[in-house]
Amino acid sequence: MSIVILISGRGSNMQAIVEAGLPVTAVISNKPDAPGLAIASARGIPTSVVRDKDYGTREGFDAALAAEVARHAPTAVALAGFMRILTPRFVARYADRLVNIHPSLLPSFTGLKTHERALAAGVKVHGCTVHFVTPELDHGPIVAQAAVPVWTDDTPERLAARVLRQEHLLYPMALRWLLEGRLIVENGIVRVKDPNAHQAFFSDRP
C-alpha cells in the first residue's frame, strides 16, 4: 500500500497525511518552489517536479505527470492543494484511486475562493469534503465531510483556518479507508465497509 501526493504549494495537508503515519512513497509538484517539497524531503520522502510550464498542452503535461506517478506504482493518488485541472485521460488512468480534498461542503462552492463565497452567500455551516476525482471539477463521489459553524464576525482567513484544521483530520482518515479497501461506490454514493465508521463530522470549536 502506498500513496503518491500531488501538491502545488505549502503542503499542509500533505504534512498531515505523513504525520498520520500513512505510507507516502513520493511527493510530486508542478511548481519547483512549492514549500511542501522541502517538508517532504526533510522527512526522507522522494520528491520530484513536473513543471506545467514545460509543456504546451494540458495533455502533454498530464502524460508526463502520469508517467512520473506510475514510477511509484501507488495504491492511491492524493491531490493536496494541487492547482491543476486534470484531463479526463489522467483521471481515467487512476479511476477509483484518485482523491482530492476541497474546502467546502460539496456540491456547494466548487472551484476557488470558497470561503469568500460562503460568507457572501450567508451560509451558516461551511466545511471540507474528501471526494473521488472525476472529469467534472469537484463533482466526484463524496467520501467524507467535516462541517464547521460560520460565525457572524468571521473573515475568510478565520473561516479558512477553522476549516483547514478539519481537513488535516479528515483527509488522512479517508485515505486510510481507501488504502485498506474499505470504500465502496454504488451509483455514485460512497459507503465504508465498517459499521462504526462515520463519514460526517461537525466541529463547534471557535
N, C-alpha and C. Protein backbone atom coordinates (compact mmCIF):
# COMPACT_ATOMS: atom_id res chain seq x y z
N MET A 1 0.84 -1.20 0.00
CA MET A 1 0.00 0.00 0.00
C MET A 1 0.87 1.24 0.00
N SER A 2 0.52 2.22 -0.82
CA SER A 2 1.31 3.43 -0.87
C SER A 2 0.49 4.57 -1.47
N ILE A 3 0.93 5.79 -1.15
CA ILE A 3 0.27 6.99 -1.65
C ILE A 3 1.29 7.88 -2.34
N VAL A 4 0.94 8.40 -3.49
CA VAL A 4 1.69 9.49 -4.10
C VAL A 4 0.84 10.75 -3.93
N ILE A 5 1.47 11.81 -3.44
CA ILE A 5 0.75 13.06 -3.19
C ILE A 5 1.18 14.11 -4.21
N LEU A 6 0.21 14.79 -4.79
CA LEU A 6 0.48 15.87 -5.73
C LEU A 6 0.17 17.20 -5.05
N ILE A 7 1.13 18.13 -5.11
CA ILE A 7 0.97 19.43 -4.46
C ILE A 7 1.37 20.55 -5.41
N SER A 8 0.96 21.76 -5.04
CA SER A 8 1.41 22.95 -5.78
C SER A 8 1.96 24.02 -4.84
N GLY A 9 1.74 23.85 -3.53
CA GLY A 9 2.10 24.92 -2.61
C GLY A 9 2.69 24.44 -1.30
N ARG A 10 2.11 24.93 -0.20
CA ARG A 10 2.71 24.75 1.12
C ARG A 10 2.69 23.31 1.62
N GLY A 11 1.71 22.52 1.18
CA GLY A 11 1.69 21.12 1.54
C GLY A 11 1.23 20.81 2.95
N SER A 12 0.32 21.61 3.50
CA SER A 12 -0.12 21.34 4.88
C SER A 12 -0.93 20.05 4.97
N ASN A 13 -1.77 19.78 3.99
CA ASN A 13 -2.49 18.51 4.00
C ASN A 13 -1.55 17.34 3.76
N MET A 14 -0.55 17.55 2.91
CA MET A 14 0.47 16.52 2.71
C MET A 14 1.15 16.19 4.04
N GLN A 15 1.50 17.22 4.77
CA GLN A 15 2.18 17.03 6.05
C GLN A 15 1.27 16.29 7.03
N ALA A 16 -0.02 16.61 7.03
CA ALA A 16 -0.96 15.92 7.91
C ALA A 16 -1.06 14.43 7.56
N ILE A 17 -1.04 14.13 6.27
CA ILE A 17 -1.09 12.73 5.83
C ILE A 17 0.15 11.98 6.29
N VAL A 18 1.31 12.60 6.14
CA VAL A 18 2.56 11.97 6.56
C VAL A 18 2.57 11.77 8.07
N GLU A 19 2.17 12.81 8.81
CA GLU A 19 2.20 12.72 10.27
C GLU A 19 1.18 11.73 10.82
N ALA A 20 0.19 11.39 10.01
CA ALA A 20 -0.78 10.37 10.42
C ALA A 20 -0.21 8.96 10.27
N GLY A 21 0.99 8.85 9.72
CA GLY A 21 1.64 7.56 9.58
C GLY A 21 1.27 6.78 8.34
N LEU A 22 0.65 7.45 7.38
CA LEU A 22 0.28 6.77 6.15
C LEU A 22 1.50 6.60 5.24
N PRO A 23 1.53 5.55 4.43
CA PRO A 23 2.71 5.24 3.62
C PRO A 23 2.82 6.12 2.35
N VAL A 24 3.48 7.23 2.47
CA VAL A 24 3.67 8.14 1.35
C VAL A 24 5.01 7.81 0.69
N THR A 25 4.96 7.42 -0.59
CA THR A 25 6.18 6.99 -1.26
C THR A 25 6.78 8.08 -2.14
N ALA A 26 6.01 9.13 -2.43
CA ALA A 26 6.54 10.22 -3.24
C ALA A 26 5.63 11.43 -3.15
N VAL A 27 6.25 12.60 -3.30
CA VAL A 27 5.51 13.85 -3.41
C VAL A 27 5.94 14.52 -4.70
N ILE A 28 4.98 14.87 -5.54
CA ILE A 28 5.25 15.45 -6.85
C ILE A 28 4.58 16.82 -6.92
N SER A 29 5.28 17.80 -7.46
CA SER A 29 4.71 19.13 -7.60
C SER A 29 4.86 19.62 -9.03
N ASN A 30 3.94 20.49 -9.43
CA ASN A 30 4.08 21.17 -10.72
C ASN A 30 4.81 22.50 -10.56
N LYS A 31 5.15 22.84 -9.30
CA LYS A 31 5.85 24.08 -9.02
C LYS A 31 7.18 23.77 -8.30
N PRO A 32 8.32 24.12 -8.90
CA PRO A 32 9.60 23.79 -8.26
C PRO A 32 9.84 24.51 -6.95
N ASP A 33 9.15 25.63 -6.73
CA ASP A 33 9.34 26.38 -5.49
C ASP A 33 8.25 26.09 -4.45
N ALA A 34 7.48 25.05 -4.63
CA ALA A 34 6.44 24.70 -3.66
C ALA A 34 7.08 24.37 -2.32
N PRO A 35 6.70 25.09 -1.25
CA PRO A 35 7.31 24.83 0.07
C PRO A 35 7.13 23.40 0.55
N GLY A 36 6.07 22.73 0.13
CA GLY A 36 5.84 21.37 0.57
C GLY A 36 6.92 20.39 0.15
N LEU A 37 7.63 20.69 -0.93
CA LEU A 37 8.71 19.80 -1.37
C LEU A 37 9.81 19.72 -0.33
N ALA A 38 10.15 20.85 0.27
CA ALA A 38 11.19 20.87 1.30
C ALA A 38 10.74 20.10 2.54
N ILE A 39 9.48 20.22 2.88
CA ILE A 39 8.95 19.49 4.04
C ILE A 39 9.05 17.99 3.80
N ALA A 40 8.67 17.56 2.61
CA ALA A 40 8.73 16.12 2.29
C ALA A 40 10.17 15.63 2.28
N SER A 41 11.06 16.39 1.66
CA SER A 41 12.46 15.99 1.58
C SER A 41 13.08 15.85 2.97
N ALA A 42 12.71 16.77 3.85
CA ALA A 42 13.25 16.73 5.21
C ALA A 42 12.82 15.47 5.95
N ARG A 43 11.73 14.87 5.51
CA ARG A 43 11.24 13.64 6.13
C ARG A 43 11.69 12.40 5.36
N GLY A 44 12.56 12.59 4.39
CA GLY A 44 13.10 11.47 3.64
C GLY A 44 12.18 10.91 2.57
N ILE A 45 11.19 11.68 2.18
CA ILE A 45 10.26 11.22 1.15
C ILE A 45 10.76 11.69 -0.21
N PRO A 46 10.87 10.82 -1.18
CA PRO A 46 11.31 11.22 -2.52
C PRO A 46 10.39 12.28 -3.12
N THR A 47 10.97 13.29 -3.73
CA THR A 47 10.19 14.34 -4.37
C THR A 47 10.63 14.51 -5.82
N SER A 48 9.74 15.06 -6.62
CA SER A 48 10.08 15.39 -8.00
C SER A 48 9.18 16.51 -8.47
N VAL A 49 9.59 17.13 -9.57
CA VAL A 49 8.84 18.25 -10.14
C VAL A 49 8.55 17.96 -11.61
N VAL A 50 7.30 18.11 -11.98
CA VAL A 50 6.89 18.06 -13.39
C VAL A 50 6.28 19.43 -13.66
N ARG A 51 7.04 20.30 -14.29
CA ARG A 51 6.61 21.69 -14.45
C ARG A 51 5.57 21.82 -15.56
N ASP A 52 4.44 22.41 -15.20
CA ASP A 52 3.41 22.59 -16.23
C ASP A 52 3.89 23.53 -17.33
N LYS A 53 4.77 24.47 -16.99
CA LYS A 53 5.26 25.43 -17.97
C LYS A 53 6.13 24.79 -19.05
N ASP A 54 6.58 23.56 -18.81
CA ASP A 54 7.44 22.89 -19.78
C ASP A 54 6.65 22.20 -20.88
N TYR A 55 5.34 22.27 -20.81
CA TYR A 55 4.51 21.54 -21.78
C TYR A 55 3.51 22.50 -22.41
N GLY A 56 3.33 22.36 -23.69
CA GLY A 56 2.48 23.28 -24.42
C GLY A 56 1.00 23.00 -24.30
N THR A 57 0.64 21.80 -23.85
CA THR A 57 -0.77 21.43 -23.75
C THR A 57 -1.02 20.75 -22.41
N ARG A 58 -2.28 20.76 -22.02
CA ARG A 58 -2.67 20.04 -20.80
C ARG A 58 -2.40 18.55 -20.96
N GLU A 59 -2.66 18.05 -22.18
CA GLU A 59 -2.48 16.62 -22.42
C GLU A 59 -1.01 16.23 -22.28
N GLY A 60 -0.11 17.09 -22.79
CA GLY A 60 1.32 16.80 -22.68
C GLY A 60 1.78 16.79 -21.24
N PHE A 61 1.32 17.78 -20.47
CA PHE A 61 1.69 17.83 -19.05
C PHE A 61 1.15 16.61 -18.31
N ASP A 62 -0.11 16.30 -18.53
CA ASP A 62 -0.71 15.19 -17.80
C ASP A 62 -0.06 13.85 -18.15
N ALA A 63 0.38 13.69 -19.39
CA ALA A 63 1.08 12.46 -19.77
C ALA A 63 2.39 12.33 -19.02
N ALA A 64 3.12 13.44 -18.92
CA ALA A 64 4.38 13.43 -18.19
C ALA A 64 4.14 13.19 -16.70
N LEU A 65 3.11 13.82 -16.16
CA LEU A 65 2.78 13.62 -14.75
C LEU A 65 2.38 12.18 -14.47
N ALA A 66 1.56 11.61 -15.35
CA ALA A 66 1.14 10.22 -15.18
C ALA A 66 2.32 9.27 -15.20
N ALA A 67 3.28 9.54 -16.07
CA ALA A 67 4.46 8.70 -16.15
C ALA A 67 5.28 8.77 -14.87
N GLU A 68 5.37 9.97 -14.29
CA GLU A 68 6.12 10.14 -13.05
C GLU A 68 5.41 9.45 -11.89
N VAL A 69 4.10 9.58 -11.84
CA VAL A 69 3.33 8.90 -10.80
C VAL A 69 3.49 7.39 -10.93
N ALA A 70 3.43 6.89 -12.16
CA ALA A 70 3.48 5.45 -12.41
C ALA A 70 4.79 4.83 -11.93
N ARG A 71 5.86 5.61 -11.90
CA ARG A 71 7.15 5.08 -11.44
C ARG A 71 7.06 4.54 -10.01
N HIS A 72 6.11 5.06 -9.24
CA HIS A 72 5.99 4.66 -7.83
C HIS A 72 4.89 3.64 -7.60
N ALA A 73 4.14 3.29 -8.64
CA ALA A 73 3.08 2.28 -8.58
C ALA A 73 2.22 2.42 -7.33
N PRO A 74 1.59 3.59 -7.15
CA PRO A 74 0.85 3.82 -5.91
C PRO A 74 -0.49 3.11 -5.85
N THR A 75 -0.92 2.83 -4.63
CA THR A 75 -2.27 2.34 -4.41
C THR A 75 -3.27 3.48 -4.58
N ALA A 76 -2.87 4.67 -4.15
CA ALA A 76 -3.74 5.84 -4.23
C ALA A 76 -2.93 7.06 -4.62
N VAL A 77 -3.61 8.00 -5.27
CA VAL A 77 -3.01 9.29 -5.62
C VAL A 77 -3.86 10.36 -4.95
N ALA A 78 -3.21 11.18 -4.12
CA ALA A 78 -3.93 12.19 -3.35
C ALA A 78 -3.56 13.58 -3.82
N LEU A 79 -4.55 14.35 -4.22
CA LEU A 79 -4.34 15.75 -4.55
C LEU A 79 -4.43 16.55 -3.25
N ALA A 80 -3.39 17.32 -2.98
CA ALA A 80 -3.34 18.09 -1.73
C ALA A 80 -2.91 19.52 -2.07
N GLY A 81 -3.88 20.32 -2.48
CA GLY A 81 -3.54 21.66 -2.92
C GLY A 81 -2.85 21.65 -4.27
N PHE A 82 -3.24 20.72 -5.12
CA PHE A 82 -2.67 20.63 -6.46
C PHE A 82 -3.52 21.47 -7.39
N MET A 83 -2.95 22.58 -7.84
CA MET A 83 -3.74 23.60 -8.55
C MET A 83 -3.71 23.40 -10.07
N ARG A 84 -4.11 22.23 -10.49
CA ARG A 84 -4.25 21.92 -11.90
C ARG A 84 -5.54 21.14 -12.10
N ILE A 85 -6.24 21.41 -13.19
CA ILE A 85 -7.39 20.61 -13.56
C ILE A 85 -6.89 19.49 -14.46
N LEU A 86 -7.06 18.26 -14.03
CA LEU A 86 -6.51 17.11 -14.73
C LEU A 86 -7.41 16.71 -15.90
N THR A 87 -6.79 16.19 -16.95
CA THR A 87 -7.53 15.78 -18.13
C THR A 87 -8.31 14.49 -17.86
N PRO A 88 -9.37 14.25 -18.62
CA PRO A 88 -10.13 13.00 -18.45
C PRO A 88 -9.25 11.75 -18.59
N ARG A 89 -8.25 11.81 -19.45
CA ARG A 89 -7.39 10.64 -19.63
C ARG A 89 -6.60 10.33 -18.36
N PHE A 90 -6.08 11.35 -17.70
CA PHE A 90 -5.36 11.13 -16.45
C PHE A 90 -6.31 10.59 -15.39
N VAL A 91 -7.48 11.21 -15.29
CA VAL A 91 -8.45 10.78 -14.29
C VAL A 91 -8.86 9.32 -14.53
N ALA A 92 -9.06 8.94 -15.77
CA ALA A 92 -9.45 7.57 -16.08
C ALA A 92 -8.36 6.57 -15.71
N ARG A 93 -7.11 6.98 -15.91
CA ARG A 93 -5.99 6.09 -15.60
C ARG A 93 -5.97 5.73 -14.11
N TYR A 94 -6.35 6.69 -13.27
CA TYR A 94 -6.30 6.45 -11.83
C TYR A 94 -7.70 6.42 -11.21
N ALA A 95 -8.67 6.01 -11.99
CA ALA A 95 -10.05 5.93 -11.51
C ALA A 95 -10.13 5.07 -10.26
N ASP A 96 -10.93 5.54 -9.30
CA ASP A 96 -11.15 4.86 -8.02
C ASP A 96 -9.92 4.86 -7.12
N ARG A 97 -8.86 5.53 -7.57
CA ARG A 97 -7.66 5.65 -6.72
C ARG A 97 -7.24 7.11 -6.54
N LEU A 98 -7.92 8.01 -7.24
CA LEU A 98 -7.54 9.42 -7.27
C LEU A 98 -8.53 10.21 -6.41
N VAL A 99 -8.01 10.85 -5.36
CA VAL A 99 -8.89 11.57 -4.43
C VAL A 99 -8.38 12.99 -4.22
N ASN A 100 -9.29 13.83 -3.75
CA ASN A 100 -8.99 15.24 -3.53
C ASN A 100 -9.69 15.70 -2.26
N ILE A 101 -9.15 16.76 -1.66
CA ILE A 101 -9.88 17.42 -0.57
C ILE A 101 -10.18 18.84 -1.02
N HIS A 102 -11.45 19.22 -0.84
CA HIS A 102 -11.91 20.53 -1.29
C HIS A 102 -12.45 21.33 -0.11
N PRO A 103 -12.10 22.61 -0.02
CA PRO A 103 -12.51 23.41 1.14
C PRO A 103 -13.93 23.98 1.06
N SER A 104 -14.89 23.09 0.89
CA SER A 104 -16.30 23.45 1.01
C SER A 104 -17.09 22.16 1.19
N LEU A 105 -18.35 22.33 1.53
CA LEU A 105 -19.24 21.18 1.63
C LEU A 105 -19.86 20.96 0.25
N LEU A 106 -19.19 20.20 -0.56
CA LEU A 106 -19.68 19.93 -1.90
C LEU A 106 -21.06 19.29 -1.84
N PRO A 107 -21.92 19.58 -2.82
CA PRO A 107 -21.64 20.25 -4.10
C PRO A 107 -21.64 21.77 -4.06
N SER A 108 -21.74 22.38 -2.89
CA SER A 108 -21.70 23.84 -2.81
C SER A 108 -20.29 24.36 -3.00
N PHE A 109 -20.16 25.48 -3.69
CA PHE A 109 -18.90 26.23 -3.80
C PHE A 109 -17.76 25.41 -4.40
N THR A 110 -18.00 24.89 -5.57
CA THR A 110 -16.91 24.25 -6.31
C THR A 110 -15.94 25.34 -6.77
N GLY A 111 -14.72 24.93 -7.13
CA GLY A 111 -13.76 25.89 -7.64
C GLY A 111 -13.03 26.65 -6.55
N LEU A 112 -12.66 27.90 -6.86
CA LEU A 112 -11.79 28.69 -5.99
C LEU A 112 -12.56 29.65 -5.09
N LYS A 113 -11.83 30.28 -4.16
CA LYS A 113 -12.36 31.31 -3.25
C LYS A 113 -13.60 30.83 -2.51
N THR A 114 -13.53 29.63 -2.00
CA THR A 114 -14.71 29.03 -1.37
C THR A 114 -15.13 29.75 -0.10
N HIS A 115 -14.17 30.20 0.70
CA HIS A 115 -14.51 30.83 1.98
C HIS A 115 -15.15 32.20 1.76
N GLU A 116 -14.60 32.97 0.83
CA GLU A 116 -15.20 34.26 0.50
C GLU A 116 -16.62 34.09 -0.02
N ARG A 117 -16.82 33.09 -0.86
CA ARG A 117 -18.14 32.86 -1.45
C ARG A 117 -19.13 32.35 -0.41
N ALA A 118 -18.65 31.54 0.54
CA ALA A 118 -19.53 31.05 1.60
C ALA A 118 -20.02 32.20 2.46
N LEU A 119 -19.11 33.11 2.81
CA LEU A 119 -19.51 34.27 3.61
C LEU A 119 -20.46 35.18 2.84
N ALA A 120 -20.17 35.37 1.56
CA ALA A 120 -21.03 36.24 0.75
C ALA A 120 -22.44 35.65 0.59
N ALA A 121 -22.53 34.32 0.60
CA ALA A 121 -23.83 33.66 0.45
C ALA A 121 -24.60 33.62 1.77
N GLY A 122 -23.91 33.92 2.87
CA GLY A 122 -24.58 33.92 4.16
C GLY A 122 -24.87 32.55 4.73
N VAL A 123 -24.12 31.52 4.29
CA VAL A 123 -24.36 30.18 4.83
C VAL A 123 -23.99 30.14 6.31
N LYS A 124 -24.62 29.27 7.04
CA LYS A 124 -24.37 29.15 8.48
C LYS A 124 -23.46 27.98 8.82
N VAL A 125 -23.24 27.12 7.83
CA VAL A 125 -22.35 25.97 8.00
C VAL A 125 -21.45 25.88 6.78
N HIS A 126 -20.19 25.63 7.00
CA HIS A 126 -19.20 25.53 5.93
C HIS A 126 -18.35 24.31 6.26
N GLY A 127 -17.34 24.00 5.45
CA GLY A 127 -16.52 22.86 5.80
C GLY A 127 -15.65 22.37 4.67
N CYS A 128 -15.37 21.07 4.67
CA CYS A 128 -14.49 20.48 3.66
C CYS A 128 -15.00 19.10 3.27
N THR A 129 -14.55 18.66 2.10
CA THR A 129 -15.03 17.40 1.52
C THR A 129 -13.87 16.62 0.93
N VAL A 130 -13.79 15.34 1.24
CA VAL A 130 -12.90 14.42 0.53
C VAL A 130 -13.75 13.70 -0.50
N HIS A 131 -13.28 13.69 -1.75
CA HIS A 131 -14.08 13.07 -2.80
C HIS A 131 -13.18 12.39 -3.83
N PHE A 132 -13.74 11.41 -4.51
CA PHE A 132 -13.06 10.82 -5.65
C PHE A 132 -13.05 11.84 -6.79
N VAL A 133 -11.98 11.85 -7.55
CA VAL A 133 -11.86 12.80 -8.65
C VAL A 133 -12.47 12.20 -9.91
N THR A 134 -13.29 13.01 -10.57
CA THR A 134 -13.87 12.65 -11.86
C THR A 134 -13.56 13.77 -12.84
N PRO A 135 -13.85 13.59 -14.13
CA PRO A 135 -13.55 14.66 -15.08
C PRO A 135 -14.27 15.97 -14.79
N GLU A 136 -15.43 15.91 -14.13
CA GLU A 136 -16.15 17.14 -13.80
C GLU A 136 -15.58 17.72 -12.52
N LEU A 137 -15.14 18.96 -12.56
CA LEU A 137 -14.44 19.59 -11.45
C LEU A 137 -15.26 19.56 -10.16
N ASP A 138 -14.66 18.98 -9.10
CA ASP A 138 -15.23 18.98 -7.75
C ASP A 138 -16.62 18.35 -7.69
N HIS A 139 -16.85 17.34 -8.51
CA HIS A 139 -18.16 16.70 -8.53
C HIS A 139 -18.08 15.18 -8.33
N GLY A 140 -16.94 14.65 -7.92
CA GLY A 140 -16.83 13.21 -7.77
C GLY A 140 -17.55 12.71 -6.52
N PRO A 141 -17.75 11.39 -6.41
CA PRO A 141 -18.43 10.81 -5.27
C PRO A 141 -17.79 11.23 -3.94
N ILE A 142 -18.62 11.61 -3.01
CA ILE A 142 -18.15 12.15 -1.72
C ILE A 142 -17.82 11.02 -0.76
N VAL A 143 -16.58 11.04 -0.24
CA VAL A 143 -16.13 10.03 0.71
C VAL A 143 -16.49 10.44 2.14
N ALA A 144 -16.18 11.68 2.50
CA ALA A 144 -16.43 12.15 3.86
C ALA A 144 -16.45 13.68 3.88
N GLN A 145 -17.14 14.22 4.88
CA GLN A 145 -17.21 15.68 5.03
C GLN A 145 -17.09 16.06 6.49
N ALA A 146 -16.51 17.24 6.71
CA ALA A 146 -16.45 17.82 8.06
C ALA A 146 -16.99 19.23 7.98
N ALA A 147 -17.87 19.58 8.90
CA ALA A 147 -18.52 20.88 8.88
C ALA A 147 -18.09 21.73 10.07
N VAL A 148 -18.08 23.03 9.86
CA VAL A 148 -17.79 23.99 10.93
C VAL A 148 -18.86 25.07 10.89
N PRO A 149 -19.18 25.69 12.03
CA PRO A 149 -20.14 26.79 12.01
C PRO A 149 -19.51 28.03 11.42
N VAL A 150 -20.34 28.87 10.85
CA VAL A 150 -19.90 30.17 10.35
C VAL A 150 -20.39 31.22 11.34
N TRP A 151 -19.44 31.97 11.91
CA TRP A 151 -19.79 32.98 12.90
C TRP A 151 -20.04 34.32 12.22
N THR A 152 -20.83 35.16 12.88
CA THR A 152 -21.21 36.44 12.28
C THR A 152 -20.02 37.36 12.06
N ASP A 153 -18.96 37.21 12.87
CA ASP A 153 -17.78 38.07 12.73
C ASP A 153 -16.64 37.39 11.97
N ASP A 154 -16.95 36.29 11.27
CA ASP A 154 -15.90 35.58 10.54
C ASP A 154 -15.35 36.42 9.39
N THR A 155 -14.07 36.23 9.13
CA THR A 155 -13.42 36.71 7.92
C THR A 155 -13.06 35.48 7.09
N PRO A 156 -12.76 35.64 5.81
CA PRO A 156 -12.33 34.48 5.02
C PRO A 156 -11.12 33.78 5.64
N GLU A 157 -10.21 34.55 6.21
CA GLU A 157 -9.00 33.96 6.80
C GLU A 157 -9.32 33.13 8.04
N ARG A 158 -10.18 33.66 8.90
CA ARG A 158 -10.54 32.93 10.12
C ARG A 158 -11.32 31.67 9.78
N LEU A 159 -12.22 31.79 8.85
CA LEU A 159 -13.01 30.63 8.44
C LEU A 159 -12.13 29.58 7.78
N ALA A 160 -11.21 30.02 6.93
CA ALA A 160 -10.29 29.09 6.26
C ALA A 160 -9.45 28.33 7.27
N ALA A 161 -8.96 29.02 8.31
CA ALA A 161 -8.13 28.36 9.31
C ALA A 161 -8.91 27.29 10.06
N ARG A 162 -10.17 27.58 10.36
CA ARG A 162 -11.00 26.61 11.07
C ARG A 162 -11.30 25.41 10.20
N VAL A 163 -11.57 25.65 8.94
CA VAL A 163 -11.81 24.54 8.01
C VAL A 163 -10.55 23.71 7.83
N LEU A 164 -9.40 24.37 7.73
CA LEU A 164 -8.14 23.66 7.50
C LEU A 164 -7.84 22.67 8.63
N ARG A 165 -8.17 23.04 9.86
CA ARG A 165 -7.96 22.10 10.98
C ARG A 165 -8.74 20.82 10.75
N GLN A 166 -9.93 20.95 10.20
CA GLN A 166 -10.74 19.76 9.92
C GLN A 166 -10.19 18.97 8.73
N GLU A 167 -9.67 19.68 7.74
CA GLU A 167 -9.05 18.99 6.60
C GLU A 167 -7.94 18.06 7.07
N HIS A 168 -7.14 18.55 8.01
CA HIS A 168 -5.99 17.78 8.47
C HIS A 168 -6.39 16.52 9.23
N LEU A 169 -7.62 16.49 9.73
CA LEU A 169 -8.14 15.29 10.38
C LEU A 169 -8.86 14.38 9.40
N LEU A 170 -9.61 15.00 8.51
CA LEU A 170 -10.48 14.23 7.61
C LEU A 170 -9.72 13.49 6.53
N TYR A 171 -8.75 14.15 5.92
CA TYR A 171 -8.07 13.56 4.76
C TYR A 171 -7.32 12.28 5.11
N PRO A 172 -6.49 12.27 6.16
CA PRO A 172 -5.80 11.01 6.49
C PRO A 172 -6.77 9.87 6.77
N MET A 173 -7.86 10.16 7.46
CA MET A 173 -8.84 9.12 7.76
C MET A 173 -9.42 8.52 6.48
N ALA A 174 -9.82 9.38 5.55
CA ALA A 174 -10.41 8.91 4.30
C ALA A 174 -9.39 8.11 3.48
N LEU A 175 -8.15 8.57 3.45
CA LEU A 175 -7.12 7.85 2.71
C LEU A 175 -6.83 6.48 3.33
N ARG A 176 -6.89 6.41 4.63
CA ARG A 176 -6.69 5.11 5.28
C ARG A 176 -7.77 4.13 4.86
N TRP A 177 -9.01 4.61 4.81
CA TRP A 177 -10.11 3.75 4.33
C TRP A 177 -9.83 3.25 2.92
N LEU A 178 -9.35 4.15 2.07
CA LEU A 178 -9.09 3.79 0.68
C LEU A 178 -7.98 2.74 0.59
N LEU A 179 -6.90 2.97 1.31
CA LEU A 179 -5.78 2.03 1.28
C LEU A 179 -6.20 0.65 1.78
N GLU A 180 -7.07 0.63 2.76
CA GLU A 180 -7.50 -0.65 3.35
C GLU A 180 -8.61 -1.33 2.56
N GLY A 181 -9.00 -0.72 1.43
CA GLY A 181 -10.03 -1.32 0.59
C GLY A 181 -11.41 -1.31 1.22
N ARG A 182 -11.68 -0.32 2.04
CA ARG A 182 -12.95 -0.28 2.78
C ARG A 182 -14.00 0.62 2.14
N LEU A 183 -13.67 1.25 1.01
CA LEU A 183 -14.63 2.14 0.37
C LEU A 183 -15.34 1.43 -0.78
N ILE A 184 -16.64 1.59 -0.82
CA ILE A 184 -17.47 1.01 -1.88
C ILE A 184 -18.27 2.15 -2.51
N VAL A 185 -18.24 2.23 -3.83
CA VAL A 185 -19.01 3.25 -4.55
C VAL A 185 -20.12 2.55 -5.33
N GLU A 186 -21.35 2.91 -5.02
CA GLU A 186 -22.51 2.33 -5.70
C GLU A 186 -23.43 3.47 -6.15
N ASN A 187 -23.63 3.56 -7.46
CA ASN A 187 -24.49 4.61 -8.02
C ASN A 187 -24.05 6.01 -7.57
N GLY A 188 -22.74 6.20 -7.51
CA GLY A 188 -22.20 7.50 -7.16
C GLY A 188 -22.19 7.82 -5.67
N ILE A 189 -22.60 6.86 -4.84
CA ILE A 189 -22.63 7.05 -3.40
C ILE A 189 -21.54 6.20 -2.76
N VAL A 190 -20.76 6.81 -1.87
CA VAL A 190 -19.67 6.10 -1.21
C VAL A 190 -20.10 5.64 0.18
N ARG A 191 -19.84 4.40 0.48
CA ARG A 191 -20.03 3.93 1.85
C ARG A 191 -18.77 3.20 2.30
N VAL A 192 -18.64 3.06 3.62
CA VAL A 192 -17.47 2.44 4.21
C VAL A 192 -17.85 1.06 4.75
N LYS A 193 -17.04 0.08 4.45
CA LYS A 193 -17.28 -1.27 4.96
C LYS A 193 -16.85 -1.35 6.42
N ASP A 194 -17.58 -0.66 7.26
CA ASP A 194 -17.31 -0.65 8.70
C ASP A 194 -18.53 -0.03 9.38
N PRO A 195 -19.27 -0.79 10.17
CA PRO A 195 -20.49 -0.25 10.79
C PRO A 195 -20.21 0.88 11.77
N ASN A 196 -18.98 1.00 12.21
CA ASN A 196 -18.64 2.03 13.19
C ASN A 196 -18.02 3.28 12.55
N ALA A 197 -17.86 3.26 11.23
CA ALA A 197 -17.24 4.39 10.54
C ALA A 197 -18.22 5.54 10.41
N HIS A 198 -17.72 6.75 10.59
CA HIS A 198 -18.52 7.95 10.42
C HIS A 198 -17.96 8.75 9.25
N GLN A 199 -18.83 9.12 8.33
CA GLN A 199 -18.41 9.87 7.14
C GLN A 199 -18.75 11.35 7.22
N ALA A 200 -19.36 11.75 8.34
CA ALA A 200 -19.70 13.16 8.52
C ALA A 200 -19.32 13.59 9.93
N PHE A 201 -18.72 14.77 10.03
CA PHE A 201 -18.26 15.29 11.32
C PHE A 201 -18.63 16.76 11.43
N PHE A 202 -18.87 17.20 12.65
CA PHE A 202 -19.20 18.61 12.88
C PHE A 202 -18.37 19.12 14.05
N SER A 203 -17.68 20.23 13.81
CA SER A 203 -16.88 20.85 14.86
C SER A 203 -17.52 22.15 15.29
N ASP A 204 -17.68 22.32 16.61
CA ASP A 204 -18.20 23.59 17.11
C ASP A 204 -17.10 24.41 17.78
N ARG A 205 -15.85 24.04 17.52
CA ARG A 205 -14.73 24.81 18.08
C ARG A 205 -14.69 26.20 17.47
N PRO A 206 -14.36 27.21 18.27
CA PRO A 206 -14.28 28.57 17.73
C PRO A 206 -13.07 28.75 16.82
